[in-house]
Amino acid sequence: MLVPFSWQKTNWNLQAALTSSIAARDFWARSRNLRFLRFIHRLDAETTGILLLGKSPGAVASYGRLFEGRKMEKVYLAVVEGIPREKSWACRLKLSPEPGQPGRMKADSRHGKDAETHFRVLEVLKSGRPTTLIEARPFTGRTHQIRVHLAESGYPVVGDELYGPAGHKTGQNLGLRAVKLNYPDPFMKREVRIRAPVDWFLHDYGFDKFIESFSS
């Protein structure tokens, strides 16, 4: 989890671990001559995939402006419960924190902040408990945006105990992975495309037959 230092109730504080390790001049940082490393965007603690870090305050600020200006193209894979009725759709429900439940968000048309996510069905598994592999493209970066938008659409992410049906435990990890990040690099002056491996993710959720077509 990437959280401010004031959130010390969790052991999942990657930023604190990185900063402490760099200050201690641990080998991985010393060998790379790293004196600074800070996250530019955040992933939920359970979400896997691409995470962009900056090696200087200037880099963090420059790349941060790309996120703020919505010039970062982000693509996720989500495995959800059920089979969507539509092949593609967009969710624009506004989001705000859930009162009395720290860390949880809710749809809030009156007080929420704008949020927009586009979804596309990629593959369906009908055997056993039906699940669907979905491509998610968030155009804003609200906390838990993809998870809330999918849950509100009626298709919670597999393994999501925060937004899934009450008392429903699948025993699986959260089926959400950041797989693509495209952006115009402000320093190199060219388009950068970052890809995360997907084979193990697709295999874990039973979508082995889709590996080749996704990778092509």
N, C-alpha and C. Protein backbone atom coordinates (compact mmCIF):
# COMPACT_ATOMS: atom_id res chain seq x y z
N MET A 1 0.85 -1.19 0.00
CA MET A 1 0.00 0.00 0.00
C MET A 1 0.88 1.24 0.00
N LEU A 2 0.51 2.22 -0.78
CA LEU A 2 1.25 3.48 -0.81
C LEU A 2 0.46 4.50 -0.01
N VAL A 3 0.93 4.81 1.18
CA VAL A 3 0.17 5.67 2.07
C VAL A 3 1.07 6.71 2.71
N PRO A 4 0.50 7.83 3.21
CA PRO A 4 1.32 8.81 3.92
C PRO A 4 1.92 8.20 5.18
N PHE A 5 2.99 8.83 5.68
CA PHE A 5 3.64 8.29 6.86
C PHE A 5 2.74 8.34 8.09
N SER A 6 1.73 9.20 8.09
CA SER A 6 0.84 9.29 9.24
C SER A 6 -0.04 8.05 9.38
N TRP A 7 -0.15 7.24 8.31
CA TRP A 7 -0.97 6.04 8.34
C TRP A 7 -0.09 4.87 8.79
N GLN A 8 0.27 4.83 10.05
CA GLN A 8 1.19 3.80 10.50
C GLN A 8 0.48 2.59 11.11
N LYS A 9 -0.85 2.49 10.95
CA LYS A 9 -1.58 1.35 11.47
C LYS A 9 -1.43 0.13 10.57
N THR A 10 -0.89 0.32 9.36
CA THR A 10 -0.71 -0.79 8.44
C THR A 10 0.77 -1.07 8.25
N ASN A 11 1.07 -2.35 8.05
CA ASN A 11 2.45 -2.73 7.76
C ASN A 11 2.74 -2.65 6.26
N TRP A 12 1.69 -2.39 5.46
CA TRP A 12 1.83 -2.36 4.01
C TRP A 12 2.10 -0.93 3.54
N ASN A 13 3.19 -0.36 3.98
CA ASN A 13 3.52 1.01 3.60
C ASN A 13 4.80 0.98 2.77
N LEU A 14 4.64 0.80 1.46
CA LEU A 14 5.78 0.66 0.57
C LEU A 14 6.63 1.93 0.56
N GLN A 15 5.98 3.11 0.55
CA GLN A 15 6.74 4.35 0.50
C GLN A 15 7.64 4.49 1.72
N ALA A 16 7.14 4.16 2.89
CA ALA A 16 7.95 4.24 4.10
C ALA A 16 9.12 3.26 4.03
N ALA A 17 8.87 2.06 3.50
CA ALA A 17 9.93 1.06 3.38
C ALA A 17 11.01 1.52 2.42
N LEU A 18 10.62 2.10 1.29
CA LEU A 18 11.59 2.59 0.32
C LEU A 18 12.44 3.71 0.90
N THR A 19 11.79 4.67 1.54
CA THR A 19 12.50 5.81 2.10
C THR A 19 13.48 5.37 3.18
N SER A 20 13.05 4.46 4.03
CA SER A 20 13.91 3.95 5.09
C SER A 20 15.11 3.19 4.52
N SER A 21 14.87 2.39 3.51
CA SER A 21 15.94 1.59 2.91
C SER A 21 16.97 2.47 2.20
N ILE A 22 16.50 3.51 1.52
CA ILE A 22 17.42 4.43 0.84
C ILE A 22 18.25 5.18 1.86
N ALA A 23 17.61 5.62 2.95
CA ALA A 23 18.35 6.34 4.00
C ALA A 23 19.41 5.46 4.65
N ALA A 24 19.12 4.16 4.74
CA ALA A 24 20.07 3.22 5.33
C ALA A 24 21.16 2.82 4.34
N ARG A 25 21.05 3.29 3.10
CA ARG A 25 22.00 2.97 2.03
C ARG A 25 22.09 1.47 1.82
N ASP A 26 20.95 0.80 1.81
CA ASP A 26 20.91 -0.63 1.52
C ASP A 26 21.44 -0.88 0.11
N PHE A 27 21.92 -2.11 -0.12
CA PHE A 27 22.64 -2.39 -1.36
C PHE A 27 21.85 -2.06 -2.62
N TRP A 28 20.55 -2.45 -2.67
CA TRP A 28 19.76 -2.23 -3.88
C TRP A 28 19.72 -0.76 -4.24
N ALA A 29 19.66 0.12 -3.24
CA ALA A 29 19.61 1.57 -3.49
C ALA A 29 21.00 2.12 -3.75
N ARG A 30 21.97 1.67 -2.98
CA ARG A 30 23.35 2.16 -3.13
C ARG A 30 23.91 1.78 -4.49
N SER A 31 23.63 0.56 -4.96
CA SER A 31 24.16 0.11 -6.24
C SER A 31 23.57 0.89 -7.41
N ARG A 32 22.43 1.50 -7.20
CA ARG A 32 21.78 2.30 -8.25
C ARG A 32 21.97 3.79 -8.02
N ASN A 33 22.74 4.12 -6.99
CA ASN A 33 22.99 5.51 -6.63
C ASN A 33 21.69 6.28 -6.38
N LEU A 34 20.74 5.60 -5.75
CA LEU A 34 19.44 6.21 -5.47
C LEU A 34 19.47 6.97 -4.15
N ARG A 35 19.03 8.20 -4.19
CA ARG A 35 18.91 8.99 -2.97
C ARG A 35 17.46 9.46 -2.77
N PHE A 36 16.63 9.16 -3.75
CA PHE A 36 15.23 9.58 -3.68
C PHE A 36 14.42 8.64 -4.55
N LEU A 37 13.27 8.20 -4.07
CA LEU A 37 12.35 7.39 -4.87
C LEU A 37 10.97 7.53 -4.26
N ARG A 38 10.06 8.04 -5.07
CA ARG A 38 8.71 8.29 -4.53
C ARG A 38 7.66 7.91 -5.57
N PHE A 39 6.54 7.39 -5.06
CA PHE A 39 5.45 7.00 -5.95
C PHE A 39 4.85 8.22 -6.64
N ILE A 40 4.41 8.04 -7.88
CA ILE A 40 3.77 9.11 -8.64
C ILE A 40 2.26 8.90 -8.66
N HIS A 41 1.84 7.65 -8.62
CA HIS A 41 0.41 7.34 -8.50
C HIS A 41 0.30 6.18 -7.53
N ARG A 42 -0.92 5.77 -7.20
CA ARG A 42 -1.12 4.74 -6.19
C ARG A 42 -1.86 3.55 -6.76
N LEU A 43 -1.59 2.39 -6.17
CA LEU A 43 -2.39 1.19 -6.39
C LEU A 43 -2.97 0.75 -5.05
N ASP A 44 -4.18 0.19 -5.08
CA ASP A 44 -4.72 -0.40 -3.86
C ASP A 44 -3.76 -1.47 -3.36
N ALA A 45 -3.77 -1.74 -2.07
CA ALA A 45 -2.86 -2.71 -1.49
C ALA A 45 -2.96 -4.06 -2.17
N GLU A 46 -4.17 -4.49 -2.54
CA GLU A 46 -4.37 -5.82 -3.12
C GLU A 46 -4.21 -5.85 -4.63
N THR A 47 -4.15 -4.68 -5.28
CA THR A 47 -4.04 -4.62 -6.73
C THR A 47 -2.59 -4.83 -7.16
N THR A 48 -2.38 -5.64 -8.20
CA THR A 48 -1.03 -5.88 -8.70
C THR A 48 -0.81 -5.10 -10.00
N GLY A 49 0.44 -5.08 -10.46
CA GLY A 49 0.71 -4.49 -11.76
C GLY A 49 1.62 -3.29 -11.74
N ILE A 50 1.48 -2.45 -12.74
CA ILE A 50 2.40 -1.35 -13.00
C ILE A 50 2.28 -0.25 -11.95
N LEU A 51 3.43 0.16 -11.45
CA LEU A 51 3.50 1.27 -10.50
C LEU A 51 4.64 2.18 -10.93
N LEU A 52 4.36 3.46 -11.13
CA LEU A 52 5.36 4.41 -11.61
C LEU A 52 5.97 5.16 -10.42
N LEU A 53 7.31 5.16 -10.35
CA LEU A 53 8.04 5.84 -9.28
C LEU A 53 8.98 6.87 -9.89
N GLY A 54 9.20 7.96 -9.18
CA GLY A 54 10.10 9.00 -9.65
C GLY A 54 11.37 9.05 -8.83
N LYS A 55 12.53 9.28 -9.50
CA LYS A 55 13.82 9.30 -8.83
C LYS A 55 14.26 10.71 -8.43
N SER A 56 13.39 11.69 -8.62
CA SER A 56 13.69 13.05 -8.18
C SER A 56 12.38 13.79 -7.97
N PRO A 57 12.37 14.81 -7.11
CA PRO A 57 11.14 15.59 -6.93
C PRO A 57 10.63 16.18 -8.23
N GLY A 58 11.56 16.58 -9.11
CA GLY A 58 11.15 17.14 -10.40
C GLY A 58 10.43 16.13 -11.26
N ALA A 59 10.90 14.89 -11.25
CA ALA A 59 10.25 13.84 -12.03
C ALA A 59 8.87 13.54 -11.47
N VAL A 60 8.76 13.49 -10.14
CA VAL A 60 7.46 13.23 -9.52
C VAL A 60 6.46 14.32 -9.91
N ALA A 61 6.90 15.57 -9.89
CA ALA A 61 6.02 16.68 -10.25
C ALA A 61 5.63 16.62 -11.73
N SER A 62 6.60 16.36 -12.61
CA SER A 62 6.32 16.34 -14.05
C SER A 62 5.37 15.21 -14.44
N TYR A 63 5.64 14.00 -13.95
CA TYR A 63 4.77 12.88 -14.27
C TYR A 63 3.43 13.01 -13.56
N GLY A 64 3.47 13.60 -12.37
CA GLY A 64 2.21 13.83 -11.66
C GLY A 64 1.27 14.72 -12.44
N ARG A 65 1.83 15.71 -13.14
CA ARG A 65 0.99 16.59 -13.96
C ARG A 65 0.34 15.83 -15.11
N LEU A 66 1.01 14.79 -15.61
CA LEU A 66 0.40 13.98 -16.66
C LEU A 66 -0.83 13.24 -16.14
N PHE A 67 -0.73 12.73 -14.91
CA PHE A 67 -1.89 12.07 -14.31
C PHE A 67 -3.01 13.08 -14.07
N GLU A 68 -2.66 14.23 -13.51
CA GLU A 68 -3.65 15.25 -13.23
C GLU A 68 -4.31 15.76 -14.51
N GLY A 69 -3.54 15.84 -15.58
CA GLY A 69 -4.07 16.31 -16.86
C GLY A 69 -4.71 15.21 -17.68
N ARG A 70 -4.81 14.01 -17.10
CA ARG A 70 -5.44 12.85 -17.75
C ARG A 70 -4.75 12.51 -19.07
N LYS A 71 -3.42 12.64 -19.07
CA LYS A 71 -2.64 12.28 -20.25
C LYS A 71 -2.01 10.90 -20.11
N MET A 72 -2.28 10.25 -18.98
CA MET A 72 -1.82 8.88 -18.75
C MET A 72 -2.94 7.93 -19.16
N GLU A 73 -2.66 7.06 -20.11
CA GLU A 73 -3.63 6.04 -20.51
C GLU A 73 -3.39 4.79 -19.67
N LYS A 74 -4.36 4.48 -18.81
CA LYS A 74 -4.23 3.36 -17.88
C LYS A 74 -5.20 2.24 -18.28
N VAL A 75 -4.70 1.02 -18.28
CA VAL A 75 -5.53 -0.13 -18.62
C VAL A 75 -5.35 -1.21 -17.54
N TYR A 76 -6.46 -1.72 -17.07
CA TYR A 76 -6.46 -2.78 -16.06
C TYR A 76 -7.20 -4.00 -16.59
N LEU A 77 -6.86 -5.16 -16.04
CA LEU A 77 -7.66 -6.36 -16.22
C LEU A 77 -8.37 -6.64 -14.91
N ALA A 78 -9.67 -6.93 -14.99
CA ALA A 78 -10.45 -7.26 -13.81
C ALA A 78 -11.20 -8.56 -14.06
N VAL A 79 -11.21 -9.43 -13.07
CA VAL A 79 -12.02 -10.65 -13.12
C VAL A 79 -13.19 -10.42 -12.18
N VAL A 80 -14.40 -10.51 -12.71
CA VAL A 80 -15.58 -10.15 -11.92
C VAL A 80 -16.54 -11.32 -11.78
N GLU A 81 -17.38 -11.22 -10.78
CA GLU A 81 -18.43 -12.20 -10.56
C GLU A 81 -19.56 -11.97 -11.57
N GLY A 82 -20.06 -13.05 -12.16
CA GLY A 82 -21.21 -12.94 -13.05
C GLY A 82 -20.84 -12.64 -14.49
N ILE A 83 -21.88 -12.50 -15.31
CA ILE A 83 -21.71 -12.24 -16.74
C ILE A 83 -22.46 -10.95 -17.11
N PRO A 84 -21.74 -9.90 -17.49
CA PRO A 84 -22.40 -8.63 -17.84
C PRO A 84 -23.36 -8.79 -19.01
N ARG A 85 -24.42 -8.03 -18.97
CA ARG A 85 -25.42 -8.06 -20.05
C ARG A 85 -24.89 -7.35 -21.30
N GLU A 86 -24.02 -6.36 -21.10
CA GLU A 86 -23.48 -5.60 -22.23
C GLU A 86 -22.03 -5.96 -22.48
N LYS A 87 -21.62 -5.86 -23.73
CA LYS A 87 -20.23 -6.13 -24.09
C LYS A 87 -19.30 -4.99 -23.68
N SER A 88 -19.84 -3.80 -23.61
CA SER A 88 -19.04 -2.65 -23.16
C SER A 88 -19.98 -1.61 -22.57
N TRP A 89 -19.47 -0.85 -21.63
CA TRP A 89 -20.27 0.22 -21.02
C TRP A 89 -19.34 1.17 -20.28
N ALA A 90 -19.88 2.32 -19.92
CA ALA A 90 -19.13 3.32 -19.16
C ALA A 90 -19.89 3.61 -17.87
N CYS A 91 -19.15 3.78 -16.79
CA CYS A 91 -19.74 4.15 -15.50
C CYS A 91 -19.19 5.50 -15.10
N ARG A 92 -20.08 6.42 -14.78
CA ARG A 92 -19.68 7.78 -14.41
C ARG A 92 -20.22 8.19 -13.05
N LEU A 93 -20.43 7.22 -12.18
CA LEU A 93 -20.92 7.52 -10.84
C LEU A 93 -19.86 8.30 -10.06
N LYS A 94 -20.28 9.39 -9.44
CA LYS A 94 -19.37 10.17 -8.61
C LYS A 94 -19.07 9.41 -7.33
N LEU A 95 -17.87 9.63 -6.78
CA LEU A 95 -17.43 8.87 -5.62
C LEU A 95 -17.01 9.79 -4.47
N SER A 96 -17.29 9.31 -3.25
CA SER A 96 -16.87 10.02 -2.05
C SER A 96 -16.58 9.02 -0.94
N PRO A 97 -15.85 9.42 0.11
CA PRO A 97 -15.56 8.50 1.21
C PRO A 97 -16.85 8.09 1.93
N GLU A 98 -16.87 6.86 2.40
CA GLU A 98 -18.01 6.34 3.16
C GLU A 98 -17.87 6.82 4.60
N PRO A 99 -18.82 7.63 5.12
CA PRO A 99 -18.71 8.14 6.50
C PRO A 99 -18.64 7.00 7.51
N GLY A 100 -17.72 7.13 8.45
CA GLY A 100 -17.59 6.14 9.50
C GLY A 100 -16.90 4.86 9.10
N GLN A 101 -16.47 4.77 7.83
CA GLN A 101 -15.77 3.57 7.37
C GLN A 101 -14.50 3.99 6.63
N PRO A 102 -13.44 4.27 7.38
CA PRO A 102 -12.18 4.73 6.76
C PRO A 102 -11.69 3.76 5.70
N GLY A 103 -11.27 4.32 4.56
CA GLY A 103 -10.74 3.51 3.48
C GLY A 103 -11.77 2.97 2.52
N ARG A 104 -13.04 3.19 2.81
CA ARG A 104 -14.10 2.68 1.93
C ARG A 104 -14.75 3.85 1.19
N MET A 105 -15.04 3.65 -0.10
CA MET A 105 -15.68 4.68 -0.92
C MET A 105 -17.11 4.28 -1.26
N LYS A 106 -17.89 5.26 -1.71
CA LYS A 106 -19.27 4.98 -2.11
C LYS A 106 -19.66 5.85 -3.29
N ALA A 107 -20.68 5.42 -4.01
CA ALA A 107 -21.25 6.25 -5.07
C ALA A 107 -22.05 7.37 -4.41
N ASP A 108 -21.82 8.60 -4.85
CA ASP A 108 -22.44 9.76 -4.20
C ASP A 108 -22.69 10.84 -5.25
N SER A 109 -23.89 10.86 -5.80
CA SER A 109 -24.20 11.79 -6.88
C SER A 109 -24.23 13.24 -6.42
N ARG A 110 -24.44 13.46 -5.13
CA ARG A 110 -24.57 14.83 -4.63
C ARG A 110 -23.23 15.44 -4.21
N HIS A 111 -22.47 14.70 -3.42
CA HIS A 111 -21.24 15.26 -2.87
C HIS A 111 -19.97 14.62 -3.44
N GLY A 112 -20.11 13.61 -4.27
CA GLY A 112 -18.95 12.90 -4.78
C GLY A 112 -18.17 13.67 -5.83
N LYS A 113 -16.95 13.21 -6.07
CA LYS A 113 -16.10 13.78 -7.12
C LYS A 113 -16.31 13.00 -8.42
N ASP A 114 -16.15 13.71 -9.53
CA ASP A 114 -16.34 13.07 -10.84
C ASP A 114 -15.43 11.85 -10.98
N ALA A 115 -15.99 10.80 -11.56
CA ALA A 115 -15.23 9.57 -11.81
C ALA A 115 -15.79 8.92 -13.06
N GLU A 116 -14.90 8.41 -13.90
CA GLU A 116 -15.34 7.80 -15.16
C GLU A 116 -14.46 6.60 -15.49
N THR A 117 -15.11 5.46 -15.73
CA THR A 117 -14.40 4.25 -16.12
C THR A 117 -15.13 3.59 -17.28
N HIS A 118 -14.37 3.16 -18.29
CA HIS A 118 -14.94 2.43 -19.41
C HIS A 118 -14.57 0.95 -19.28
N PHE A 119 -15.55 0.08 -19.55
CA PHE A 119 -15.36 -1.36 -19.39
C PHE A 119 -15.66 -2.08 -20.70
N ARG A 120 -14.92 -3.18 -20.93
CA ARG A 120 -15.14 -4.00 -22.12
C ARG A 120 -14.96 -5.47 -21.76
N VAL A 121 -15.95 -6.29 -22.10
CA VAL A 121 -15.87 -7.72 -21.83
C VAL A 121 -14.87 -8.37 -22.78
N LEU A 122 -13.95 -9.17 -22.22
CA LEU A 122 -12.94 -9.85 -23.03
C LEU A 122 -13.23 -11.34 -23.16
N GLU A 123 -13.64 -11.97 -22.06
CA GLU A 123 -13.85 -13.42 -22.06
C GLU A 123 -14.76 -13.80 -20.91
N VAL A 124 -15.53 -14.87 -21.10
CA VAL A 124 -16.47 -15.34 -20.07
C VAL A 124 -16.19 -16.80 -19.76
N LEU A 125 -16.19 -17.14 -18.47
CA LEU A 125 -16.11 -18.53 -18.02
C LEU A 125 -17.46 -18.90 -17.42
N LYS A 126 -18.15 -19.83 -18.06
CA LYS A 126 -19.49 -20.21 -17.61
C LYS A 126 -19.49 -21.44 -16.73
N SER A 127 -18.39 -22.19 -16.72
CA SER A 127 -18.35 -23.40 -15.92
C SER A 127 -18.20 -23.05 -14.44
N GLY A 128 -18.91 -23.81 -13.59
CA GLY A 128 -18.84 -23.53 -12.16
C GLY A 128 -19.48 -22.19 -11.84
N ARG A 129 -18.81 -21.37 -11.05
CA ARG A 129 -19.32 -20.04 -10.74
C ARG A 129 -18.93 -19.11 -11.88
N PRO A 130 -19.90 -18.57 -12.63
CA PRO A 130 -19.57 -17.74 -13.80
C PRO A 130 -18.72 -16.52 -13.43
N THR A 131 -17.66 -16.31 -14.17
CA THR A 131 -16.82 -15.13 -14.00
C THR A 131 -16.50 -14.55 -15.37
N THR A 132 -16.13 -13.29 -15.39
CA THR A 132 -15.85 -12.59 -16.64
C THR A 132 -14.56 -11.81 -16.54
N LEU A 133 -13.76 -11.88 -17.59
CA LEU A 133 -12.53 -11.09 -17.69
C LEU A 133 -12.88 -9.78 -18.39
N ILE A 134 -12.55 -8.68 -17.76
CA ILE A 134 -12.94 -7.36 -18.26
C ILE A 134 -11.73 -6.45 -18.38
N GLU A 135 -11.71 -5.66 -19.44
CA GLU A 135 -10.74 -4.58 -19.57
C GLU A 135 -11.35 -3.32 -18.98
N ALA A 136 -10.62 -2.67 -18.09
CA ALA A 136 -11.10 -1.44 -17.46
C ALA A 136 -10.15 -0.29 -17.79
N ARG A 137 -10.72 0.80 -18.25
CA ARG A 137 -9.93 1.99 -18.57
C ARG A 137 -10.45 3.17 -17.75
N PRO A 138 -9.79 3.49 -16.63
CA PRO A 138 -10.22 4.64 -15.83
C PRO A 138 -9.71 5.95 -16.41
N PHE A 139 -10.61 6.91 -16.55
CA PHE A 139 -10.22 8.22 -17.08
C PHE A 139 -9.99 9.23 -15.96
N THR A 140 -10.34 8.83 -14.74
CA THR A 140 -10.03 9.61 -13.55
C THR A 140 -9.33 8.66 -12.58
N GLY A 141 -8.83 9.19 -11.48
CA GLY A 141 -8.05 8.35 -10.58
C GLY A 141 -8.53 8.37 -9.14
N ARG A 142 -9.83 8.18 -8.94
CA ARG A 142 -10.37 8.18 -7.58
C ARG A 142 -10.01 6.88 -6.85
N THR A 143 -9.94 6.97 -5.54
CA THR A 143 -9.66 5.79 -4.72
C THR A 143 -10.69 4.70 -4.97
N HIS A 144 -10.23 3.48 -5.23
CA HIS A 144 -11.09 2.29 -5.43
C HIS A 144 -12.08 2.48 -6.59
N GLN A 145 -11.76 3.36 -7.52
CA GLN A 145 -12.71 3.71 -8.58
C GLN A 145 -13.21 2.50 -9.36
N ILE A 146 -12.29 1.68 -9.87
CA ILE A 146 -12.70 0.53 -10.68
C ILE A 146 -13.54 -0.43 -9.86
N ARG A 147 -13.12 -0.69 -8.63
CA ARG A 147 -13.83 -1.63 -7.78
C ARG A 147 -15.25 -1.18 -7.47
N VAL A 148 -15.40 0.10 -7.14
CA VAL A 148 -16.74 0.61 -6.82
C VAL A 148 -17.61 0.64 -8.07
N HIS A 149 -17.07 1.10 -9.18
CA HIS A 149 -17.86 1.17 -10.41
C HIS A 149 -18.32 -0.22 -10.87
N LEU A 150 -17.47 -1.22 -10.72
CA LEU A 150 -17.88 -2.58 -11.09
C LEU A 150 -18.92 -3.12 -10.12
N ALA A 151 -18.72 -2.89 -8.83
CA ALA A 151 -19.70 -3.35 -7.84
C ALA A 151 -21.06 -2.68 -8.06
N GLU A 152 -21.04 -1.39 -8.35
CA GLU A 152 -22.29 -0.67 -8.59
C GLU A 152 -22.94 -1.11 -9.90
N SER A 153 -22.15 -1.62 -10.83
CA SER A 153 -22.69 -2.14 -12.09
C SER A 153 -23.29 -3.53 -11.91
N GLY A 154 -23.05 -4.13 -10.73
CA GLY A 154 -23.58 -5.46 -10.45
C GLY A 154 -22.59 -6.58 -10.63
N TYR A 155 -21.30 -6.24 -10.84
CA TYR A 155 -20.28 -7.25 -11.10
C TYR A 155 -19.04 -6.98 -10.26
N PRO A 156 -19.09 -7.31 -8.96
CA PRO A 156 -17.93 -7.04 -8.09
C PRO A 156 -16.71 -7.84 -8.52
N VAL A 157 -15.55 -7.28 -8.26
CA VAL A 157 -14.30 -7.95 -8.58
C VAL A 157 -14.15 -9.20 -7.70
N VAL A 158 -13.74 -10.29 -8.30
CA VAL A 158 -13.49 -11.53 -7.56
C VAL A 158 -12.48 -11.25 -6.45
N GLY A 159 -12.78 -11.74 -5.25
CA GLY A 159 -11.88 -11.56 -4.12
C GLY A 159 -11.99 -10.22 -3.43
N ASP A 160 -12.96 -9.39 -3.83
CA ASP A 160 -13.11 -8.06 -3.23
C ASP A 160 -14.05 -8.15 -2.03
N GLU A 161 -13.49 -8.31 -0.85
CA GLU A 161 -14.30 -8.43 0.36
C GLU A 161 -14.82 -7.09 0.85
N LEU A 162 -14.28 -6.00 0.30
CA LEU A 162 -14.73 -4.66 0.71
C LEU A 162 -15.99 -4.24 -0.01
N TYR A 163 -16.09 -4.59 -1.30
CA TYR A 163 -17.25 -4.14 -2.10
C TYR A 163 -18.08 -5.30 -2.65
N GLY A 164 -17.67 -6.52 -2.39
CA GLY A 164 -18.46 -7.67 -2.82
C GLY A 164 -19.66 -7.88 -1.90
N PRO A 165 -20.49 -8.90 -2.19
CA PRO A 165 -21.65 -9.19 -1.35
C PRO A 165 -21.25 -9.41 0.10
N ALA A 166 -22.05 -8.92 1.02
CA ALA A 166 -21.75 -9.04 2.45
C ALA A 166 -21.57 -10.51 2.83
N GLY A 167 -20.48 -10.79 3.53
CA GLY A 167 -20.23 -12.14 4.01
C GLY A 167 -19.74 -13.11 2.95
N HIS A 168 -19.54 -12.62 1.71
CA HIS A 168 -19.12 -13.49 0.63
C HIS A 168 -17.60 -13.52 0.53
N LYS A 169 -17.00 -14.66 0.88
CA LYS A 169 -15.54 -14.81 0.84
C LYS A 169 -15.19 -15.88 -0.18
N THR A 170 -14.38 -15.52 -1.15
CA THR A 170 -14.02 -16.46 -2.21
C THR A 170 -12.72 -17.20 -1.92
N GLY A 171 -11.93 -16.66 -1.00
CA GLY A 171 -10.63 -17.26 -0.74
C GLY A 171 -9.60 -16.92 -1.79
N GLN A 172 -9.96 -16.09 -2.75
CA GLN A 172 -9.04 -15.70 -3.82
C GLN A 172 -8.50 -14.30 -3.59
N ASN A 173 -7.34 -14.02 -4.20
CA ASN A 173 -6.81 -12.67 -4.17
C ASN A 173 -7.68 -11.76 -5.02
N LEU A 174 -7.51 -10.46 -4.84
CA LEU A 174 -8.29 -9.49 -5.61
C LEU A 174 -7.95 -9.63 -7.10
N GLY A 175 -8.97 -9.84 -7.93
CA GLY A 175 -8.78 -10.04 -9.36
C GLY A 175 -8.66 -8.75 -10.14
N LEU A 176 -7.67 -7.95 -9.80
CA LEU A 176 -7.48 -6.66 -10.46
C LEU A 176 -5.98 -6.42 -10.66
N ARG A 177 -5.60 -6.13 -11.92
CA ARG A 177 -4.19 -5.95 -12.25
C ARG A 177 -4.01 -4.80 -13.24
N ALA A 178 -3.10 -3.88 -12.92
CA ALA A 178 -2.75 -2.78 -13.83
C ALA A 178 -1.78 -3.34 -14.87
N VAL A 179 -2.20 -3.37 -16.14
CA VAL A 179 -1.42 -4.08 -17.16
C VAL A 179 -0.80 -3.18 -18.23
N LYS A 180 -1.32 -1.96 -18.40
CA LYS A 180 -0.76 -1.08 -19.43
C LYS A 180 -0.74 0.36 -18.92
N LEU A 181 0.33 1.07 -19.31
CA LEU A 181 0.44 2.49 -19.00
C LEU A 181 1.13 3.16 -20.18
N ASN A 182 0.42 4.07 -20.84
CA ASN A 182 0.95 4.80 -21.99
C ASN A 182 0.95 6.29 -21.67
N TYR A 183 2.05 6.97 -22.03
CA TYR A 183 2.09 8.41 -21.76
C TYR A 183 3.17 9.10 -22.61
N PRO A 184 2.98 10.39 -22.87
CA PRO A 184 4.01 11.17 -23.57
C PRO A 184 5.07 11.60 -22.57
N ASP A 185 6.26 11.05 -22.68
CA ASP A 185 7.29 11.33 -21.68
C ASP A 185 7.78 12.78 -21.81
N PRO A 186 7.71 13.56 -20.72
CA PRO A 186 8.09 14.97 -20.81
C PRO A 186 9.60 15.19 -20.92
N PHE A 187 10.40 14.16 -20.61
CA PHE A 187 11.85 14.30 -20.67
C PHE A 187 12.42 13.73 -21.97
N MET A 188 11.94 12.56 -22.35
CA MET A 188 12.45 11.91 -23.57
C MET A 188 11.72 12.38 -24.82
N LYS A 189 10.63 13.10 -24.64
CA LYS A 189 9.86 13.64 -25.76
C LYS A 189 9.39 12.56 -26.74
N ARG A 190 8.94 11.45 -26.19
CA ARG A 190 8.40 10.38 -27.02
C ARG A 190 7.35 9.62 -26.23
N GLU A 191 6.55 8.83 -26.94
CA GLU A 191 5.52 8.03 -26.30
C GLU A 191 6.15 6.82 -25.61
N VAL A 192 5.77 6.61 -24.37
CA VAL A 192 6.26 5.47 -23.60
C VAL A 192 5.11 4.51 -23.37
N ARG A 193 5.37 3.22 -23.58
CA ARG A 193 4.36 2.19 -23.36
C ARG A 193 4.93 1.13 -22.43
N ILE A 194 4.31 0.98 -21.27
CA ILE A 194 4.75 0.01 -20.27
C ILE A 194 3.72 -1.11 -20.20
N ARG A 195 4.20 -2.35 -20.15
CA ARG A 195 3.30 -3.51 -20.09
C ARG A 195 3.70 -4.40 -18.91
N ALA A 196 2.73 -4.93 -18.21
CA ALA A 196 2.97 -5.87 -17.12
C ALA A 196 2.65 -7.28 -17.60
N PRO A 197 3.40 -8.29 -17.16
CA PRO A 197 3.08 -9.68 -17.52
C PRO A 197 1.67 -10.05 -17.07
N VAL A 198 0.99 -10.85 -17.89
CA VAL A 198 -0.40 -11.22 -17.56
C VAL A 198 -0.62 -12.72 -17.47
N ASP A 199 0.36 -13.52 -17.89
CA ASP A 199 0.16 -14.97 -17.97
C ASP A 199 -0.29 -15.57 -16.64
N TRP A 200 0.44 -15.26 -15.57
CA TRP A 200 0.11 -15.88 -14.28
C TRP A 200 -1.24 -15.40 -13.78
N PHE A 201 -1.56 -14.13 -14.05
CA PHE A 201 -2.84 -13.57 -13.60
C PHE A 201 -3.99 -14.30 -14.30
N LEU A 202 -3.91 -14.43 -15.62
CA LEU A 202 -4.96 -15.12 -16.37
C LEU A 202 -5.05 -16.59 -15.96
N HIS A 203 -3.92 -17.21 -15.73
CA HIS A 203 -3.91 -18.62 -15.31
C HIS A 203 -4.58 -18.79 -13.96
N ASP A 204 -4.28 -17.91 -13.01
CA ASP A 204 -4.84 -18.04 -11.67
C ASP A 204 -6.36 -17.99 -11.66
N TYR A 205 -6.94 -17.28 -12.62
CA TYR A 205 -8.40 -17.12 -12.64
C TYR A 205 -9.07 -17.95 -13.74
N GLY A 206 -8.29 -18.86 -14.34
CA GLY A 206 -8.88 -19.82 -15.28
C GLY A 206 -9.01 -19.35 -16.70
N PHE A 207 -8.33 -18.27 -17.07
CA PHE A 207 -8.45 -17.73 -18.43
C PHE A 207 -7.22 -18.08 -19.28
N ASP A 208 -6.71 -19.29 -19.11
CA ASP A 208 -5.51 -19.71 -19.83
C ASP A 208 -5.66 -19.59 -21.35
N LYS A 209 -6.83 -19.91 -21.87
CA LYS A 209 -7.03 -19.91 -23.32
C LYS A 209 -6.92 -18.50 -23.91
N PHE A 210 -6.98 -17.50 -23.05
CA PHE A 210 -6.96 -16.12 -23.54
C PHE A 210 -5.54 -15.54 -23.52
N ILE A 211 -4.59 -16.28 -22.93
CA ILE A 211 -3.23 -15.75 -22.78
C ILE A 211 -2.62 -15.37 -24.11
N GLU A 212 -2.67 -16.26 -25.08
CA GLU A 212 -2.03 -16.01 -26.38
C GLU A 212 -2.63 -14.82 -27.11
N SER A 213 -3.94 -14.75 -27.12
CA SER A 213 -4.59 -13.65 -27.84
C SER A 213 -4.36 -12.31 -27.16
N PHE A 214 -4.24 -12.31 -25.84
CA PHE A 214 -3.98 -11.05 -25.13
C PHE A 214 -2.56 -10.59 -25.37
N SER A 215 -1.63 -11.54 -25.42
CA SER A 215 -0.22 -11.20 -25.57
C SER A 215 0.15 -10.79 -26.98
N SER A 216 -0.69 -11.14 -27.96
CA SER A 216 -0.36 -10.84 -29.35
C SER A 216 -0.59 -9.38 -29.71
